[in-house]
Amino acid sequence: MYKVVIPVILLSVLVGGFLIQSNKSTELYGNNKESIVEVIHSIEGYEDYAVEILQVDDMNQDRVVSFLADGDPSYIQFKKNDDGDYEWKLIMVESDENFASFMPNLRSVNERSFLFVKNGESRVSHMKVDVNNQELEQSFQVNQPDVQWMDLPHTDEDSYSYSNHRYYSGEGELIDP
């Protein structure tokens, strides 16, 4: 009886270990630029996008990757798991836009920030916005893709008010983004 049971148990353990390892090796993580592109292409609806990674920002357990998807401003957010791998949590693409603002929800960072992503067709070189009645300014590279973060002013409230968005060209003229 033991002659049959022991080999069956050993075989079961080996097969189980192989299945766990092979399943683990097929999971995709955002650990480097190549794997980030693989993750994006694995998401339903994003399989055929041409992806140009612009910037990778790590903030504690969060990773935010700014990129262009077929030229459209985009970002994907990852969270570091217990094994140190980055699992994707959210992806955003602003279709048919040259300039976009996002506000990633970074759980490992106390203060909120705007994330601006623009492609090379955007004429925006400078912007101003009022946040909680405080004017904030941000500059951008002209005629090339750019990524910028704008820290929002500290507030004890659980919300922000935004008004008076103004966008300027390199010549200083007021423009639509």
N, C-alpha and C. Protein backbone atom coordinates (compact mmCIF):
# COMPACT_ATOMS: atom_id res chain seq x y z
N MET A 1 0.82 -1.19 0.00
CA MET A 1 0.00 0.00 0.00
C MET A 1 0.87 1.25 0.00
N TYR A 2 1.89 1.30 0.90
CA TYR A 2 2.76 2.47 0.97
C TYR A 2 3.58 2.65 -0.31
N LYS A 3 3.87 1.53 -1.00
CA LYS A 3 4.63 1.60 -2.24
C LYS A 3 3.87 2.39 -3.30
N VAL A 4 2.55 2.37 -3.25
CA VAL A 4 1.73 3.09 -4.22
C VAL A 4 1.43 4.50 -3.73
N VAL A 5 1.14 4.68 -2.44
CA VAL A 5 0.73 5.97 -1.90
C VAL A 5 1.87 7.00 -1.94
N ILE A 6 3.06 6.62 -1.53
CA ILE A 6 4.18 7.56 -1.48
C ILE A 6 4.51 8.10 -2.87
N PRO A 7 4.66 7.26 -3.90
CA PRO A 7 4.93 7.83 -5.23
C PRO A 7 3.78 8.72 -5.74
N VAL A 8 2.53 8.37 -5.42
CA VAL A 8 1.40 9.18 -5.85
C VAL A 8 1.45 10.55 -5.17
N ILE A 9 1.77 10.57 -3.88
CA ILE A 9 1.88 11.84 -3.15
C ILE A 9 3.02 12.68 -3.72
N LEU A 10 4.19 12.06 -3.94
CA LEU A 10 5.32 12.79 -4.51
C LEU A 10 4.99 13.33 -5.89
N LEU A 11 4.35 12.53 -6.71
CA LEU A 11 3.96 12.98 -8.05
C LEU A 11 2.97 14.13 -7.97
N SER A 12 2.03 14.05 -7.04
CA SER A 12 1.04 15.13 -6.86
C SER A 12 1.72 16.43 -6.44
N VAL A 13 2.69 16.34 -5.53
CA VAL A 13 3.41 17.53 -5.08
C VAL A 13 4.20 18.14 -6.24
N LEU A 14 4.87 17.31 -7.01
CA LEU A 14 5.65 17.81 -8.15
C LEU A 14 4.75 18.46 -9.20
N VAL A 15 3.64 17.83 -9.54
CA VAL A 15 2.72 18.39 -10.53
C VAL A 15 2.11 19.69 -9.99
N GLY A 16 1.72 19.71 -8.73
CA GLY A 16 1.16 20.92 -8.13
C GLY A 16 2.17 22.06 -8.14
N GLY A 17 3.41 21.77 -7.77
CA GLY A 17 4.45 22.80 -7.80
C GLY A 17 4.70 23.32 -9.20
N PHE A 18 4.70 22.40 -10.18
CA PHE A 18 4.89 22.83 -11.57
C PHE A 18 3.74 23.72 -12.02
N LEU A 19 2.51 23.35 -11.69
CA LEU A 19 1.35 24.15 -12.09
C LEU A 19 1.38 25.53 -11.45
N ILE A 20 1.74 25.60 -10.19
CA ILE A 20 1.82 26.90 -9.51
C ILE A 20 2.91 27.75 -10.15
N GLN A 21 4.07 27.16 -10.42
CA GLN A 21 5.17 27.92 -11.02
C GLN A 21 4.83 28.35 -12.44
N SER A 22 4.21 27.48 -13.24
CA SER A 22 3.88 27.86 -14.62
C SER A 22 2.80 28.93 -14.64
N ASN A 23 1.86 28.89 -13.70
CA ASN A 23 0.84 29.94 -13.62
C ASN A 23 1.48 31.26 -13.22
N LYS A 24 2.44 31.21 -12.30
CA LYS A 24 3.11 32.43 -11.84
C LYS A 24 3.91 33.06 -12.97
N SER A 25 4.51 32.23 -13.82
CA SER A 25 5.34 32.78 -14.89
C SER A 25 4.51 33.40 -16.01
N THR A 26 3.21 33.12 -16.08
CA THR A 26 2.37 33.72 -17.12
C THR A 26 1.74 35.02 -16.66
N GLU A 27 1.83 35.35 -15.38
CA GLU A 27 1.28 36.61 -14.89
C GLU A 27 2.16 37.74 -15.40
N LEU A 28 1.52 38.85 -15.78
CA LEU A 28 2.25 40.00 -16.28
C LEU A 28 2.32 41.08 -15.21
N TYR A 29 3.49 41.68 -15.09
CA TYR A 29 3.70 42.74 -14.11
C TYR A 29 4.35 43.94 -14.80
N GLY A 30 4.20 45.10 -14.22
CA GLY A 30 4.81 46.31 -14.75
C GLY A 30 6.15 46.59 -14.11
N ASN A 31 7.06 45.62 -14.18
CA ASN A 31 8.35 45.75 -13.50
C ASN A 31 9.39 46.51 -14.32
N ASN A 32 9.23 46.56 -15.64
CA ASN A 32 10.14 47.31 -16.50
C ASN A 32 9.37 47.78 -17.73
N LYS A 33 10.00 48.58 -18.57
CA LYS A 33 9.28 49.18 -19.70
C LYS A 33 8.71 48.13 -20.64
N GLU A 34 9.47 47.07 -20.91
CA GLU A 34 8.98 46.04 -21.82
C GLU A 34 7.75 45.33 -21.25
N SER A 35 7.80 45.00 -19.96
CA SER A 35 6.66 44.30 -19.36
C SER A 35 5.46 45.24 -19.20
N ILE A 36 5.71 46.54 -19.04
CA ILE A 36 4.61 47.50 -18.96
C ILE A 36 3.85 47.51 -20.28
N VAL A 37 4.57 47.52 -21.40
CA VAL A 37 3.92 47.47 -22.71
C VAL A 37 3.14 46.17 -22.86
N GLU A 38 3.71 45.05 -22.40
CA GLU A 38 3.00 43.77 -22.45
C GLU A 38 1.71 43.83 -21.64
N VAL A 39 1.76 44.43 -20.45
CA VAL A 39 0.56 44.56 -19.62
C VAL A 39 -0.49 45.38 -20.37
N ILE A 40 -0.10 46.52 -20.93
CA ILE A 40 -1.05 47.37 -21.66
C ILE A 40 -1.69 46.58 -22.79
N HIS A 41 -0.88 45.86 -23.57
CA HIS A 41 -1.42 45.10 -24.69
C HIS A 41 -2.26 43.90 -24.26
N SER A 42 -2.14 43.48 -23.01
CA SER A 42 -2.94 42.35 -22.52
C SER A 42 -4.33 42.78 -22.05
N ILE A 43 -4.55 44.08 -21.92
CA ILE A 43 -5.83 44.60 -21.43
C ILE A 43 -6.81 44.67 -22.59
N GLU A 44 -8.01 44.15 -22.35
CA GLU A 44 -9.03 44.14 -23.40
C GLU A 44 -9.30 45.56 -23.90
N GLY A 45 -9.25 45.71 -25.21
CA GLY A 45 -9.47 47.01 -25.84
C GLY A 45 -8.19 47.78 -26.09
N TYR A 46 -7.07 47.32 -25.54
CA TYR A 46 -5.80 48.02 -25.68
C TYR A 46 -4.77 47.19 -26.45
N GLU A 47 -5.19 46.07 -27.02
CA GLU A 47 -4.27 45.13 -27.65
C GLU A 47 -3.49 45.73 -28.82
N ASP A 48 -4.12 46.62 -29.57
CA ASP A 48 -3.51 47.11 -30.81
C ASP A 48 -2.93 48.52 -30.73
N TYR A 49 -2.92 49.11 -29.55
CA TYR A 49 -2.38 50.46 -29.41
C TYR A 49 -0.87 50.48 -29.65
N ALA A 50 -0.41 51.51 -30.37
CA ALA A 50 1.03 51.80 -30.42
C ALA A 50 1.35 52.53 -29.12
N VAL A 51 2.27 52.00 -28.34
CA VAL A 51 2.57 52.54 -27.01
C VAL A 51 3.95 53.17 -26.99
N GLU A 52 4.00 54.43 -26.56
CA GLU A 52 5.27 55.13 -26.35
C GLU A 52 5.33 55.54 -24.88
N ILE A 53 6.18 54.86 -24.11
CA ILE A 53 6.32 55.19 -22.70
C ILE A 53 7.12 56.48 -22.57
N LEU A 54 6.56 57.44 -21.84
CA LEU A 54 7.21 58.73 -21.66
C LEU A 54 7.95 58.82 -20.33
N GLN A 55 7.34 58.28 -19.26
CA GLN A 55 7.93 58.45 -17.93
C GLN A 55 7.37 57.39 -16.99
N VAL A 56 8.24 56.90 -16.09
CA VAL A 56 7.85 55.96 -15.04
C VAL A 56 8.15 56.63 -13.71
N ASP A 57 7.12 56.79 -12.87
CA ASP A 57 7.28 57.42 -11.56
C ASP A 57 6.91 56.43 -10.47
N ASP A 58 7.85 56.18 -9.55
CA ASP A 58 7.60 55.31 -8.40
C ASP A 58 7.44 56.17 -7.16
N MET A 59 6.32 55.97 -6.46
CA MET A 59 6.04 56.69 -5.22
C MET A 59 5.59 55.67 -4.18
N ASN A 60 6.53 55.29 -3.32
CA ASN A 60 6.29 54.26 -2.31
C ASN A 60 5.82 52.99 -3.00
N GLN A 61 4.61 52.54 -2.75
CA GLN A 61 4.10 51.29 -3.33
C GLN A 61 3.42 51.50 -4.68
N ASP A 62 3.27 52.74 -5.12
CA ASP A 62 2.58 53.05 -6.37
C ASP A 62 3.57 53.28 -7.50
N ARG A 63 3.20 52.86 -8.69
CA ARG A 63 3.96 53.17 -9.91
C ARG A 63 2.97 53.76 -10.91
N VAL A 64 3.31 54.94 -11.43
CA VAL A 64 2.49 55.60 -12.45
C VAL A 64 3.34 55.71 -13.70
N VAL A 65 2.82 55.16 -14.80
CA VAL A 65 3.53 55.19 -16.07
C VAL A 65 2.74 56.07 -17.03
N SER A 66 3.35 57.17 -17.46
CA SER A 66 2.74 58.07 -18.44
C SER A 66 3.19 57.61 -19.82
N PHE A 67 2.23 57.55 -20.75
CA PHE A 67 2.57 57.08 -22.09
C PHE A 67 1.60 57.67 -23.11
N LEU A 68 1.95 57.49 -24.37
CA LEU A 68 1.06 57.85 -25.46
C LEU A 68 0.53 56.56 -26.06
N ALA A 69 -0.78 56.47 -26.22
CA ALA A 69 -1.45 55.32 -26.83
C ALA A 69 -1.98 55.78 -28.17
N ASP A 70 -1.33 55.35 -29.25
CA ASP A 70 -1.65 55.87 -30.59
C ASP A 70 -1.60 57.39 -30.60
N GLY A 71 -0.68 57.97 -29.85
CA GLY A 71 -0.49 59.41 -29.79
C GLY A 71 -1.36 60.13 -28.77
N ASP A 72 -2.28 59.41 -28.11
CA ASP A 72 -3.18 60.03 -27.14
C ASP A 72 -2.57 59.97 -25.73
N PRO A 73 -2.68 61.08 -24.96
CA PRO A 73 -2.16 61.10 -23.59
C PRO A 73 -2.82 60.03 -22.72
N SER A 74 -1.99 59.31 -21.95
CA SER A 74 -2.49 58.16 -21.18
C SER A 74 -1.62 57.92 -19.96
N TYR A 75 -2.18 57.14 -19.03
CA TYR A 75 -1.34 56.63 -17.94
C TYR A 75 -1.91 55.31 -17.46
N ILE A 76 -1.03 54.51 -16.87
CA ILE A 76 -1.42 53.25 -16.24
C ILE A 76 -0.82 53.26 -14.84
N GLN A 77 -1.60 52.75 -13.89
CA GLN A 77 -1.16 52.76 -12.50
C GLN A 77 -0.98 51.32 -12.02
N PHE A 78 0.11 51.11 -11.30
CA PHE A 78 0.44 49.81 -10.72
C PHE A 78 0.58 49.94 -9.21
N LYS A 79 0.42 48.82 -8.52
CA LYS A 79 0.62 48.75 -7.07
C LYS A 79 1.59 47.61 -6.81
N LYS A 80 2.62 47.86 -5.99
CA LYS A 80 3.60 46.82 -5.68
C LYS A 80 2.97 45.79 -4.75
N ASN A 81 3.10 44.51 -5.12
CA ASN A 81 2.55 43.44 -4.28
C ASN A 81 3.60 42.97 -3.28
N ASP A 82 3.25 41.98 -2.48
CA ASP A 82 4.14 41.49 -1.43
C ASP A 82 5.42 40.85 -1.97
N ASP A 83 5.38 40.39 -3.24
CA ASP A 83 6.56 39.80 -3.86
C ASP A 83 7.45 40.85 -4.52
N GLY A 84 7.03 42.12 -4.48
CA GLY A 84 7.81 43.19 -5.10
C GLY A 84 7.50 43.42 -6.56
N ASP A 85 6.48 42.73 -7.08
CA ASP A 85 6.06 42.91 -8.47
C ASP A 85 4.96 43.96 -8.55
N TYR A 86 4.89 44.66 -9.68
CA TYR A 86 3.89 45.72 -9.86
C TYR A 86 2.69 45.18 -10.63
N GLU A 87 1.53 45.13 -9.96
CA GLU A 87 0.28 44.68 -10.56
C GLU A 87 -0.51 45.89 -11.03
N TRP A 88 -1.06 45.81 -12.24
CA TRP A 88 -1.79 46.98 -12.75
C TRP A 88 -3.14 47.10 -12.08
N LYS A 89 -3.53 48.36 -11.84
CA LYS A 89 -4.78 48.67 -11.16
C LYS A 89 -5.72 49.51 -12.01
N LEU A 90 -5.18 50.42 -12.83
CA LEU A 90 -6.02 51.37 -13.56
C LEU A 90 -5.29 51.83 -14.80
N ILE A 91 -6.05 52.01 -15.88
CA ILE A 91 -5.48 52.59 -17.09
C ILE A 91 -6.45 53.65 -17.60
N MET A 92 -5.90 54.77 -18.06
CA MET A 92 -6.72 55.87 -18.58
C MET A 92 -6.10 56.36 -19.89
N VAL A 93 -6.95 56.55 -20.91
CA VAL A 93 -6.52 57.11 -22.18
C VAL A 93 -7.49 58.22 -22.54
N GLU A 94 -6.96 59.39 -22.88
CA GLU A 94 -7.79 60.51 -23.36
C GLU A 94 -7.76 60.49 -24.88
N SER A 95 -8.74 59.82 -25.47
CA SER A 95 -8.78 59.64 -26.92
C SER A 95 -8.98 60.96 -27.65
N ASP A 96 -8.30 61.08 -28.77
CA ASP A 96 -8.42 62.24 -29.67
C ASP A 96 -8.08 63.55 -28.97
N GLU A 97 -7.16 63.52 -28.03
CA GLU A 97 -6.71 64.73 -27.33
C GLU A 97 -5.20 64.85 -27.49
N ASN A 98 -4.71 66.08 -27.44
CA ASN A 98 -3.27 66.33 -27.47
C ASN A 98 -2.71 66.61 -26.08
N PHE A 99 -3.59 66.97 -25.15
CA PHE A 99 -3.20 67.39 -23.81
C PHE A 99 -4.24 66.84 -22.85
N ALA A 100 -3.79 66.27 -21.74
CA ALA A 100 -4.75 65.73 -20.77
C ALA A 100 -4.22 65.92 -19.35
N SER A 101 -5.16 66.11 -18.44
CA SER A 101 -4.81 66.15 -17.02
C SER A 101 -5.51 64.99 -16.33
N PHE A 102 -4.79 64.36 -15.42
CA PHE A 102 -5.30 63.23 -14.66
C PHE A 102 -5.02 63.50 -13.19
N MET A 103 -5.72 62.80 -12.33
CA MET A 103 -5.44 62.88 -10.90
C MET A 103 -5.39 61.46 -10.34
N PRO A 104 -4.24 60.80 -10.48
CA PRO A 104 -4.13 59.43 -9.97
C PRO A 104 -4.38 59.38 -8.46
N ASN A 105 -5.08 58.34 -8.05
CA ASN A 105 -5.36 58.12 -6.63
C ASN A 105 -4.22 57.28 -6.06
N LEU A 106 -3.24 57.96 -5.50
CA LEU A 106 -2.06 57.29 -4.96
C LEU A 106 -2.25 57.07 -3.47
N ARG A 107 -2.54 55.85 -3.10
CA ARG A 107 -2.84 55.54 -1.71
C ARG A 107 -1.62 55.67 -0.80
N SER A 108 -0.43 55.53 -1.38
CA SER A 108 0.77 55.59 -0.54
C SER A 108 1.36 57.00 -0.44
N VAL A 109 0.66 57.99 -1.01
CA VAL A 109 1.12 59.38 -0.96
C VAL A 109 0.01 60.20 -0.32
N ASN A 110 0.36 61.04 0.65
CA ASN A 110 -0.65 61.79 1.39
C ASN A 110 -1.29 62.91 0.58
N GLU A 111 -0.50 63.65 -0.17
CA GLU A 111 -1.01 64.82 -0.90
C GLU A 111 -1.43 64.42 -2.32
N ARG A 112 -2.40 65.14 -2.86
CA ARG A 112 -2.89 64.89 -4.22
C ARG A 112 -2.09 65.70 -5.22
N SER A 113 -2.05 65.21 -6.45
CA SER A 113 -1.32 65.89 -7.52
C SER A 113 -2.06 65.71 -8.83
N PHE A 114 -1.91 66.71 -9.71
CA PHE A 114 -2.32 66.58 -11.09
C PHE A 114 -1.18 65.92 -11.86
N LEU A 115 -1.52 65.09 -12.80
CA LEU A 115 -0.57 64.54 -13.75
C LEU A 115 -0.98 65.06 -15.13
N PHE A 116 -0.07 65.76 -15.79
CA PHE A 116 -0.32 66.28 -17.13
C PHE A 116 0.50 65.47 -18.13
N VAL A 117 -0.15 65.04 -19.19
CA VAL A 117 0.52 64.31 -20.26
C VAL A 117 0.14 64.97 -21.57
N LYS A 118 1.13 65.27 -22.39
CA LYS A 118 0.84 65.90 -23.68
C LYS A 118 1.66 65.22 -24.77
N ASN A 119 1.11 65.24 -25.99
CA ASN A 119 1.86 64.71 -27.12
C ASN A 119 2.58 65.85 -27.83
N GLY A 120 3.31 65.54 -28.90
CA GLY A 120 4.08 66.55 -29.61
C GLY A 120 3.26 67.53 -30.41
N GLU A 121 1.97 67.24 -30.60
CA GLU A 121 1.10 68.14 -31.36
C GLU A 121 0.50 69.24 -30.49
N SER A 122 0.56 69.09 -29.20
CA SER A 122 -0.01 70.09 -28.29
C SER A 122 0.82 71.37 -28.34
N ARG A 123 0.13 72.49 -28.44
CA ARG A 123 0.79 73.80 -28.47
C ARG A 123 0.94 74.39 -27.07
N VAL A 124 0.42 73.71 -26.05
CA VAL A 124 0.46 74.25 -24.69
C VAL A 124 1.91 74.30 -24.19
N SER A 125 2.33 75.51 -23.79
CA SER A 125 3.67 75.65 -23.20
C SER A 125 3.60 76.08 -21.73
N HIS A 126 2.41 76.54 -21.33
CA HIS A 126 2.25 77.06 -19.98
C HIS A 126 0.77 77.03 -19.63
N MET A 127 0.45 76.79 -18.38
CA MET A 127 -0.95 76.83 -17.95
C MET A 127 -1.05 77.41 -16.56
N LYS A 128 -2.24 77.92 -16.26
CA LYS A 128 -2.57 78.41 -14.92
C LYS A 128 -3.94 77.85 -14.58
N VAL A 129 -4.12 77.53 -13.30
CA VAL A 129 -5.41 77.04 -12.82
C VAL A 129 -5.55 77.48 -11.36
N ASP A 130 -6.77 77.81 -10.97
CA ASP A 130 -7.05 78.13 -9.58
C ASP A 130 -7.54 76.87 -8.88
N VAL A 131 -6.86 76.49 -7.80
CA VAL A 131 -7.24 75.32 -7.01
C VAL A 131 -7.48 75.81 -5.59
N ASN A 132 -8.71 75.65 -5.13
CA ASN A 132 -9.09 76.14 -3.80
C ASN A 132 -8.68 77.61 -3.63
N ASN A 133 -8.98 78.39 -4.65
CA ASN A 133 -8.72 79.84 -4.67
C ASN A 133 -7.23 80.20 -4.64
N GLN A 134 -6.37 79.26 -4.98
CA GLN A 134 -4.94 79.53 -5.06
C GLN A 134 -4.49 79.28 -6.51
N GLU A 135 -3.83 80.27 -7.13
CA GLU A 135 -3.39 80.12 -8.51
C GLU A 135 -2.13 79.27 -8.58
N LEU A 136 -2.17 78.24 -9.42
CA LEU A 136 -1.02 77.37 -9.65
C LEU A 136 -0.60 77.50 -11.11
N GLU A 137 0.69 77.36 -11.37
CA GLU A 137 1.22 77.47 -12.73
C GLU A 137 2.07 76.25 -13.05
N GLN A 138 2.10 75.91 -14.35
CA GLN A 138 2.93 74.79 -14.79
C GLN A 138 3.42 75.08 -16.20
N SER A 139 4.69 74.80 -16.46
CA SER A 139 5.28 74.96 -17.79
C SER A 139 5.48 73.59 -18.43
N PHE A 140 5.50 73.58 -19.78
CA PHE A 140 5.64 72.34 -20.54
C PHE A 140 6.63 72.54 -21.68
N GLN A 141 7.23 71.45 -22.11
CA GLN A 141 8.06 71.45 -23.31
C GLN A 141 7.14 71.68 -24.51
N VAL A 142 7.59 72.45 -25.48
CA VAL A 142 6.77 72.75 -26.65
C VAL A 142 7.17 71.83 -27.81
N ASN A 143 6.18 71.42 -28.60
CA ASN A 143 6.38 70.62 -29.82
C ASN A 143 7.06 69.27 -29.56
N GLN A 144 6.86 68.73 -28.39
CA GLN A 144 7.34 67.39 -28.07
C GLN A 144 6.51 66.84 -26.92
N PRO A 145 6.45 65.52 -26.81
CA PRO A 145 5.70 64.95 -25.68
C PRO A 145 6.31 65.40 -24.35
N ASP A 146 5.45 65.53 -23.34
CA ASP A 146 5.93 65.97 -22.04
C ASP A 146 5.02 65.42 -20.95
N VAL A 147 5.61 65.22 -19.78
CA VAL A 147 4.89 64.77 -18.59
C VAL A 147 5.29 65.70 -17.45
N GLN A 148 4.31 66.22 -16.74
CA GLN A 148 4.59 67.09 -15.60
C GLN A 148 3.61 66.75 -14.47
N TRP A 149 4.10 66.86 -13.25
CA TRP A 149 3.27 66.71 -12.05
C TRP A 149 3.09 68.09 -11.42
N MET A 150 1.90 68.36 -10.92
CA MET A 150 1.63 69.60 -10.18
C MET A 150 1.03 69.22 -8.83
N ASP A 151 1.77 69.51 -7.76
CA ASP A 151 1.25 69.23 -6.42
C ASP A 151 0.12 70.20 -6.10
N LEU A 152 -0.95 69.67 -5.57
CA LEU A 152 -2.08 70.51 -5.18
C LEU A 152 -1.85 71.04 -3.77
N PRO A 153 -2.38 72.22 -3.48
CA PRO A 153 -2.18 72.78 -2.13
C PRO A 153 -2.82 71.89 -1.07
N HIS A 154 -2.19 71.84 0.07
CA HIS A 154 -2.72 71.05 1.19
C HIS A 154 -4.09 71.59 1.60
N THR A 155 -4.98 70.67 1.92
CA THR A 155 -6.30 71.05 2.42
C THR A 155 -6.73 70.04 3.46
N ASP A 156 -7.47 70.51 4.44
CA ASP A 156 -8.04 69.61 5.43
C ASP A 156 -9.39 69.07 4.96
N GLU A 157 -9.88 69.63 3.87
CA GLU A 157 -11.15 69.17 3.29
C GLU A 157 -10.89 67.88 2.52
N ASP A 158 -11.96 67.21 2.15
CA ASP A 158 -11.83 65.99 1.36
C ASP A 158 -12.08 66.27 -0.12
N SER A 159 -12.02 67.55 -0.51
CA SER A 159 -12.29 67.88 -1.90
C SER A 159 -11.50 69.11 -2.31
N TYR A 160 -11.46 69.33 -3.62
CA TYR A 160 -10.79 70.49 -4.20
C TYR A 160 -11.76 71.18 -5.14
N SER A 161 -11.59 72.49 -5.30
CA SER A 161 -12.36 73.21 -6.31
C SER A 161 -11.37 73.74 -7.34
N TYR A 162 -11.74 73.59 -8.61
CA TYR A 162 -10.89 74.01 -9.72
C TYR A 162 -11.65 75.03 -10.54
N SER A 163 -10.96 76.09 -10.93
CA SER A 163 -11.60 77.09 -11.78
C SER A 163 -10.55 77.84 -12.57
N ASN A 164 -11.03 78.55 -13.57
CA ASN A 164 -10.20 79.48 -14.32
C ASN A 164 -8.98 78.82 -14.96
N HIS A 165 -9.20 77.68 -15.66
CA HIS A 165 -8.11 77.03 -16.40
C HIS A 165 -7.71 77.92 -17.57
N ARG A 166 -6.40 78.22 -17.68
CA ARG A 166 -5.90 79.03 -18.79
C ARG A 166 -4.67 78.33 -19.38
N TYR A 167 -4.68 78.21 -20.70
CA TYR A 167 -3.59 77.55 -21.41
C TYR A 167 -2.97 78.54 -22.38
N TYR A 168 -1.63 78.51 -22.48
CA TYR A 168 -0.91 79.48 -23.29
C TYR A 168 0.03 78.77 -24.27
N SER A 169 0.17 79.36 -25.45
CA SER A 169 1.12 78.86 -26.44
C SER A 169 2.52 79.38 -26.09
N GLY A 170 3.51 78.94 -26.86
CA GLY A 170 4.87 79.41 -26.67
C GLY A 170 5.02 80.90 -26.91
N GLU A 171 4.08 81.47 -27.68
CA GLU A 171 4.09 82.91 -27.95
C GLU A 171 3.32 83.69 -26.90
N GLY A 172 2.77 83.00 -25.92
CA GLY A 172 2.05 83.65 -24.83
C GLY A 172 0.59 83.94 -25.11
N GLU A 173 0.06 83.44 -26.24
CA GLU A 173 -1.35 83.67 -26.54
C GLU A 173 -2.22 82.62 -25.85
N LEU A 174 -3.39 83.03 -25.41
CA LEU A 174 -4.35 82.14 -24.77
C LEU A 174 -4.90 81.18 -25.82
N ILE A 175 -4.87 79.87 -25.55
CA ILE A 175 -5.31 78.86 -26.53
C ILE A 175 -6.16 77.80 -25.85
N ASP A 176 -6.85 77.00 -26.66
CA ASP A 176 -7.51 75.79 -26.18
C ASP A 176 -6.46 74.70 -26.11
N PRO A 177 -6.55 73.83 -25.12
CA PRO A 177 -5.51 72.81 -24.99
C PRO A 177 -5.56 71.84 -26.15
